[in-house]
N, C-alpha and C. Protein backbone atom coordinates (compact mmCIF):
# COMPACT_ATOMS: atom_id res chain seq x y z
N MET A 1 122.96 -119.42 10.16
CA MET A 1 122.06 -120.33 10.81
C MET A 1 122.40 -120.50 12.28
N ASP A 2 123.70 -120.40 12.61
CA ASP A 2 124.09 -120.53 14.00
C ASP A 2 123.51 -119.40 14.85
N GLY A 3 123.42 -118.22 14.29
CA GLY A 3 122.85 -117.10 15.03
C GLY A 3 121.39 -117.34 15.38
N TYR A 4 120.67 -117.95 14.44
CA TYR A 4 119.26 -118.26 14.67
C TYR A 4 119.12 -119.28 15.80
N LEU A 5 119.93 -120.34 15.79
CA LEU A 5 119.87 -121.35 16.84
C LEU A 5 120.30 -120.79 18.18
N ASP A 6 121.30 -119.92 18.17
CA ASP A 6 121.73 -119.31 19.43
C ASP A 6 120.62 -118.44 20.02
N SER A 7 119.95 -117.65 19.18
CA SER A 7 118.89 -116.80 19.71
C SER A 7 117.70 -117.65 20.18
N PHE A 8 117.41 -118.73 19.46
CA PHE A 8 116.34 -119.63 19.89
C PHE A 8 116.69 -120.25 21.24
N TYR A 9 117.93 -120.67 21.39
CA TYR A 9 118.38 -121.28 22.64
C TYR A 9 118.27 -120.30 23.80
N THR A 10 118.69 -119.05 23.60
CA THR A 10 118.62 -118.08 24.69
C THR A 10 117.17 -117.76 25.05
N ILE A 11 116.30 -117.67 24.04
CA ILE A 11 114.88 -117.41 24.33
C ILE A 11 114.28 -118.60 25.08
N PHE A 12 114.61 -119.81 24.63
CA PHE A 12 114.11 -121.01 25.30
C PHE A 12 114.58 -121.06 26.74
N MET A 13 115.82 -120.77 26.98
CA MET A 13 116.36 -120.81 28.34
C MET A 13 115.73 -119.71 29.20
N ASP A 14 115.48 -118.55 28.64
CA ASP A 14 114.82 -117.48 29.40
C ASP A 14 113.40 -117.89 29.81
N VAL A 15 112.65 -118.46 28.88
CA VAL A 15 111.29 -118.91 29.18
C VAL A 15 111.34 -120.01 30.23
N LEU A 16 112.24 -120.95 30.08
CA LEU A 16 112.38 -122.04 31.04
C LEU A 16 112.73 -121.51 32.43
N THR A 17 113.59 -120.53 32.51
CA THR A 17 113.96 -119.94 33.79
C THR A 17 112.76 -119.26 34.45
N ILE A 18 111.97 -118.56 33.65
CA ILE A 18 110.79 -117.87 34.19
C ILE A 18 109.79 -118.90 34.71
N VAL A 19 109.56 -119.95 33.93
CA VAL A 19 108.58 -120.97 34.33
C VAL A 19 109.02 -121.68 35.59
N LEU A 20 110.28 -122.07 35.66
CA LEU A 20 110.76 -122.82 36.81
C LEU A 20 110.93 -121.95 38.06
N SER A 21 111.11 -120.65 37.87
CA SER A 21 111.30 -119.79 39.03
C SER A 21 109.98 -119.28 39.60
N SER A 22 108.90 -119.57 38.93
CA SER A 22 107.60 -119.10 39.39
C SER A 22 106.86 -120.21 40.13
N PRO A 23 106.74 -120.10 41.45
CA PRO A 23 106.03 -121.13 42.21
C PRO A 23 104.56 -121.25 41.80
N VAL A 24 103.98 -120.16 41.37
CA VAL A 24 102.57 -120.20 40.96
C VAL A 24 102.40 -121.09 39.74
N LEU A 25 103.30 -120.96 38.77
CA LEU A 25 103.20 -121.79 37.58
C LEU A 25 103.44 -123.26 37.91
N ILE A 26 104.33 -123.52 38.83
CA ILE A 26 104.59 -124.91 39.23
C ILE A 26 103.34 -125.50 39.88
N VAL A 27 102.69 -124.74 40.76
CA VAL A 27 101.48 -125.22 41.41
C VAL A 27 100.37 -125.44 40.38
N VAL A 28 100.24 -124.53 39.43
CA VAL A 28 99.22 -124.68 38.38
C VAL A 28 99.49 -125.94 37.57
N CYS A 29 100.74 -126.20 37.23
CA CYS A 29 101.08 -127.41 36.48
C CYS A 29 100.75 -128.67 37.28
N ILE A 30 101.05 -128.66 38.55
CA ILE A 30 100.75 -129.82 39.40
C ILE A 30 99.25 -130.05 39.48
N VAL A 31 98.50 -128.98 39.66
CA VAL A 31 97.03 -129.10 39.72
C VAL A 31 96.48 -129.65 38.41
N LEU A 32 96.99 -129.15 37.29
CA LEU A 32 96.53 -129.65 36.00
C LEU A 32 96.86 -131.13 35.81
N LEU A 33 98.02 -131.54 36.27
CA LEU A 33 98.40 -132.96 36.19
C LEU A 33 97.49 -133.82 37.06
N LEU A 34 97.16 -133.33 38.25
CA LEU A 34 96.26 -134.08 39.13
C LEU A 34 94.86 -134.19 38.54
N LEU A 35 94.37 -133.11 37.95
CA LEU A 35 93.06 -133.15 37.33
C LEU A 35 93.03 -134.13 36.16
N LYS A 36 94.07 -134.14 35.37
CA LYS A 36 94.15 -135.07 34.25
C LYS A 36 94.21 -136.50 34.76
N SER A 37 94.93 -136.72 35.83
CA SER A 37 95.02 -138.05 36.43
C SER A 37 93.65 -138.51 36.91
N MET A 38 92.90 -137.62 37.55
CA MET A 38 91.56 -137.96 38.02
C MET A 38 90.65 -138.30 36.84
N TRP A 39 90.80 -137.56 35.73
CA TRP A 39 90.01 -137.82 34.55
C TRP A 39 90.31 -139.22 34.02
N TYR A 40 91.61 -139.59 33.98
CA TYR A 40 91.98 -140.93 33.51
C TYR A 40 91.42 -142.02 34.43
N GLU A 41 91.45 -141.79 35.74
CA GLU A 41 90.91 -142.78 36.67
C GLU A 41 89.42 -142.99 36.44
N LYS A 42 88.68 -141.90 36.23
CA LYS A 42 87.24 -142.02 35.95
C LYS A 42 87.00 -142.76 34.64
N ARG A 43 87.81 -142.45 33.65
CA ARG A 43 87.66 -143.09 32.34
C ARG A 43 87.95 -144.59 32.44
N ILE A 44 88.99 -144.96 33.16
CA ILE A 44 89.33 -146.36 33.34
C ILE A 44 88.22 -147.09 34.08
N ARG A 45 87.68 -146.45 35.12
CA ARG A 45 86.58 -147.07 35.88
C ARG A 45 85.36 -147.28 34.98
N TYR A 46 85.05 -146.30 34.14
CA TYR A 46 83.94 -146.43 33.20
C TYR A 46 84.18 -147.61 32.25
N LEU A 47 85.40 -147.73 31.75
CA LEU A 47 85.72 -148.82 30.84
C LEU A 47 85.65 -150.18 31.54
N GLU A 48 86.07 -150.23 32.82
CA GLU A 48 85.96 -151.48 33.57
C GLU A 48 84.50 -151.89 33.75
N ILE A 49 83.64 -150.94 34.07
CA ILE A 49 82.22 -151.23 34.24
C ILE A 49 81.61 -151.70 32.91
N THR A 50 81.97 -151.03 31.83
CA THR A 50 81.46 -151.41 30.52
C THR A 50 81.92 -152.81 30.14
N LEU A 51 83.19 -153.11 30.37
CA LEU A 51 83.71 -154.44 30.07
C LEU A 51 83.02 -155.51 30.90
N SER A 52 82.79 -155.20 32.16
CA SER A 52 82.10 -156.16 33.02
C SER A 52 80.68 -156.42 32.52
N SER A 53 79.98 -155.38 32.15
CA SER A 53 78.61 -155.53 31.64
C SER A 53 78.58 -156.34 30.35
N LEU A 54 79.50 -156.02 29.45
CA LEU A 54 79.55 -156.74 28.18
C LEU A 54 79.92 -158.21 28.37
N SER A 55 80.83 -158.48 29.30
CA SER A 55 81.22 -159.87 29.54
C SER A 55 80.06 -160.66 30.13
N LYS A 56 79.26 -160.03 30.99
CA LYS A 56 78.09 -160.72 31.55
C LYS A 56 77.06 -161.00 30.46
N LEU A 57 76.84 -160.01 29.57
CA LEU A 57 75.89 -160.22 28.47
C LEU A 57 76.34 -161.32 27.53
N ALA A 58 77.65 -161.40 27.30
CA ALA A 58 78.19 -162.40 26.39
C ALA A 58 78.38 -163.75 27.06
N GLY A 59 78.27 -163.79 28.37
CA GLY A 59 78.46 -165.04 29.09
C GLY A 59 79.91 -165.43 29.23
N VAL A 60 80.80 -164.46 29.19
CA VAL A 60 82.23 -164.72 29.31
C VAL A 60 82.65 -164.43 30.74
N GLU A 61 83.34 -165.39 31.34
CA GLU A 61 83.82 -165.21 32.72
C GLU A 61 85.24 -164.67 32.68
N LEU A 62 85.44 -163.49 33.27
CA LEU A 62 86.76 -162.87 33.25
C LEU A 62 87.66 -163.39 34.36
N ASN A 63 87.11 -164.08 35.33
CA ASN A 63 87.92 -164.66 36.41
C ASN A 63 88.33 -166.09 36.08
N ASP A 64 88.51 -166.35 34.81
CA ASP A 64 88.91 -167.68 34.37
C ASP A 64 90.31 -167.99 34.89
N PRO A 65 90.49 -169.13 35.55
CA PRO A 65 91.81 -169.47 36.08
C PRO A 65 92.89 -169.57 35.02
N ALA A 66 92.49 -169.78 33.77
CA ALA A 66 93.48 -169.85 32.70
C ALA A 66 94.14 -168.50 32.46
N LEU A 67 93.51 -167.42 32.91
CA LEU A 67 94.03 -166.08 32.71
C LEU A 67 94.95 -165.61 33.83
N VAL A 68 95.21 -166.47 34.79
CA VAL A 68 96.04 -166.11 35.94
C VAL A 68 97.52 -166.20 35.55
N PRO A 69 98.31 -165.20 35.91
CA PRO A 69 99.74 -165.21 35.57
C PRO A 69 100.46 -166.43 36.17
N PRO A 70 101.46 -166.93 35.48
CA PRO A 70 102.16 -168.14 35.96
C PRO A 70 102.86 -167.93 37.30
N GLU A 71 103.29 -166.71 37.61
CA GLU A 71 103.95 -166.45 38.88
C GLU A 71 103.00 -166.70 40.05
N VAL A 72 101.74 -166.35 39.85
CA VAL A 72 100.73 -166.56 40.88
C VAL A 72 100.49 -168.05 41.07
N ARG A 73 100.40 -168.78 39.97
CA ARG A 73 100.21 -170.23 40.05
C ARG A 73 101.38 -170.90 40.78
N LYS A 74 102.59 -170.43 40.50
CA LYS A 74 103.77 -171.01 41.15
C LYS A 74 103.72 -170.76 42.65
N ALA A 75 103.36 -169.55 43.04
CA ALA A 75 103.26 -169.24 44.47
C ALA A 75 102.20 -170.12 45.14
N LEU A 76 101.09 -170.35 44.47
CA LEU A 76 100.05 -171.21 45.03
C LEU A 76 100.52 -172.66 45.13
N ASN A 77 101.22 -173.11 44.11
CA ASN A 77 101.74 -174.48 44.13
C ASN A 77 102.76 -174.68 45.25
N ASP A 78 103.47 -173.60 45.59
CA ASP A 78 104.45 -173.67 46.68
C ASP A 78 103.78 -173.50 48.04
N GLY A 79 102.48 -173.23 48.05
CA GLY A 79 101.74 -173.10 49.31
C GLY A 79 101.77 -171.70 49.91
N HIS A 80 102.04 -170.68 49.09
CA HIS A 80 102.13 -169.30 49.57
C HIS A 80 100.91 -168.51 49.11
N ARG A 81 99.82 -168.60 49.85
CA ARG A 81 98.57 -167.93 49.47
C ARG A 81 98.71 -166.41 49.49
N LEU A 82 99.29 -165.86 50.54
CA LEU A 82 99.42 -164.40 50.64
C LEU A 82 100.36 -163.85 49.56
N LYS A 83 101.42 -164.59 49.28
CA LYS A 83 102.33 -164.16 48.22
C LYS A 83 101.61 -164.18 46.87
N ALA A 84 100.76 -165.17 46.66
CA ALA A 84 100.00 -165.26 45.42
C ALA A 84 99.06 -164.06 45.29
N ILE A 85 98.41 -163.69 46.38
CA ILE A 85 97.51 -162.53 46.36
C ILE A 85 98.30 -161.26 46.06
N ARG A 86 99.44 -161.11 46.71
CA ARG A 86 100.28 -159.94 46.50
C ARG A 86 100.76 -159.86 45.04
N LEU A 87 101.20 -160.99 44.50
CA LEU A 87 101.66 -161.02 43.11
C LEU A 87 100.52 -160.72 42.14
N TYR A 88 99.35 -161.28 42.40
CA TYR A 88 98.21 -161.04 41.53
C TYR A 88 97.86 -159.56 41.50
N ARG A 89 97.87 -158.93 42.67
CA ARG A 89 97.57 -157.49 42.74
C ARG A 89 98.62 -156.68 42.01
N LYS A 90 99.88 -157.04 42.19
CA LYS A 90 100.97 -156.30 41.56
C LYS A 90 100.92 -156.41 40.04
N ILE A 91 100.67 -157.61 39.54
CA ILE A 91 100.69 -157.84 38.09
C ILE A 91 99.46 -157.29 37.40
N THR A 92 98.28 -157.49 38.01
CA THR A 92 97.04 -157.11 37.34
C THR A 92 96.50 -155.75 37.76
N GLY A 93 96.94 -155.24 38.92
CA GLY A 93 96.41 -153.97 39.41
C GLY A 93 95.06 -154.13 40.10
N ALA A 94 94.69 -155.37 40.41
CA ALA A 94 93.40 -155.63 41.06
C ALA A 94 93.43 -155.16 42.51
N ASN A 95 92.24 -154.93 43.06
CA ASN A 95 92.18 -154.56 44.47
C ASN A 95 92.27 -155.82 45.32
N LEU A 96 92.35 -155.64 46.63
CA LEU A 96 92.57 -156.76 47.54
C LEU A 96 91.44 -157.78 47.50
N ASN A 97 90.20 -157.31 47.46
CA ASN A 97 89.06 -158.23 47.44
C ASN A 97 89.04 -159.10 46.18
N ASP A 98 89.28 -158.47 45.02
CA ASP A 98 89.28 -159.23 43.77
C ASP A 98 90.42 -160.24 43.74
N ALA A 99 91.59 -159.82 44.18
CA ALA A 99 92.74 -160.72 44.18
C ALA A 99 92.51 -161.90 45.12
N THR A 100 91.95 -161.63 46.29
CA THR A 100 91.66 -162.70 47.24
C THR A 100 90.64 -163.67 46.67
N GLU A 101 89.63 -163.14 46.01
CA GLU A 101 88.60 -163.98 45.41
C GLU A 101 89.18 -164.89 44.33
N VAL A 102 90.01 -164.35 43.47
CA VAL A 102 90.61 -165.15 42.42
C VAL A 102 91.50 -166.24 42.98
N VAL A 103 92.33 -165.88 43.96
CA VAL A 103 93.24 -166.87 44.57
C VAL A 103 92.44 -167.94 45.29
N ASP A 104 91.38 -167.56 45.98
CA ASP A 104 90.54 -168.56 46.67
C ASP A 104 89.87 -169.51 45.68
N VAL A 105 89.42 -168.99 44.56
CA VAL A 105 88.82 -169.84 43.53
C VAL A 105 89.86 -170.82 43.01
N LEU A 106 91.08 -170.34 42.81
CA LEU A 106 92.15 -171.23 42.33
C LEU A 106 92.46 -172.31 43.37
N LEU A 107 92.44 -171.94 44.65
CA LEU A 107 92.71 -172.92 45.69
C LEU A 107 91.61 -173.99 45.76
N LYS A 108 90.37 -173.59 45.56
CA LYS A 108 89.25 -174.54 45.60
C LYS A 108 89.32 -175.50 44.42
N LYS A 109 89.75 -175.00 43.28
CA LYS A 109 89.82 -175.84 42.09
C LYS A 109 91.03 -176.77 42.11
N ALA A 110 92.03 -176.44 42.91
CA ALA A 110 93.25 -177.26 42.96
C ALA A 110 93.06 -178.54 43.72
């Protein structure tokens, strides 16, 4: 059995050496990863649009202040508006406009 594992290991290492030593294969792998990443971004955007449409039909508000992370609330309570926006973006992945809008709504309600 050791002979089988040794031969498998040498074949695996030979294939790995060929793949890593070929710049063309590395570029192809990077391009494939980028394409897959773009596909995921499009899919996420589609899901965000669908969720937004469904929430409007159901009458559910997704910018509910109750859904804001506690770190953001603490920053607002301490009087740090920009820090709150930065934290909201970091935690939720929201863009600058959405984060600013949520923080401003929280400030108006406070």
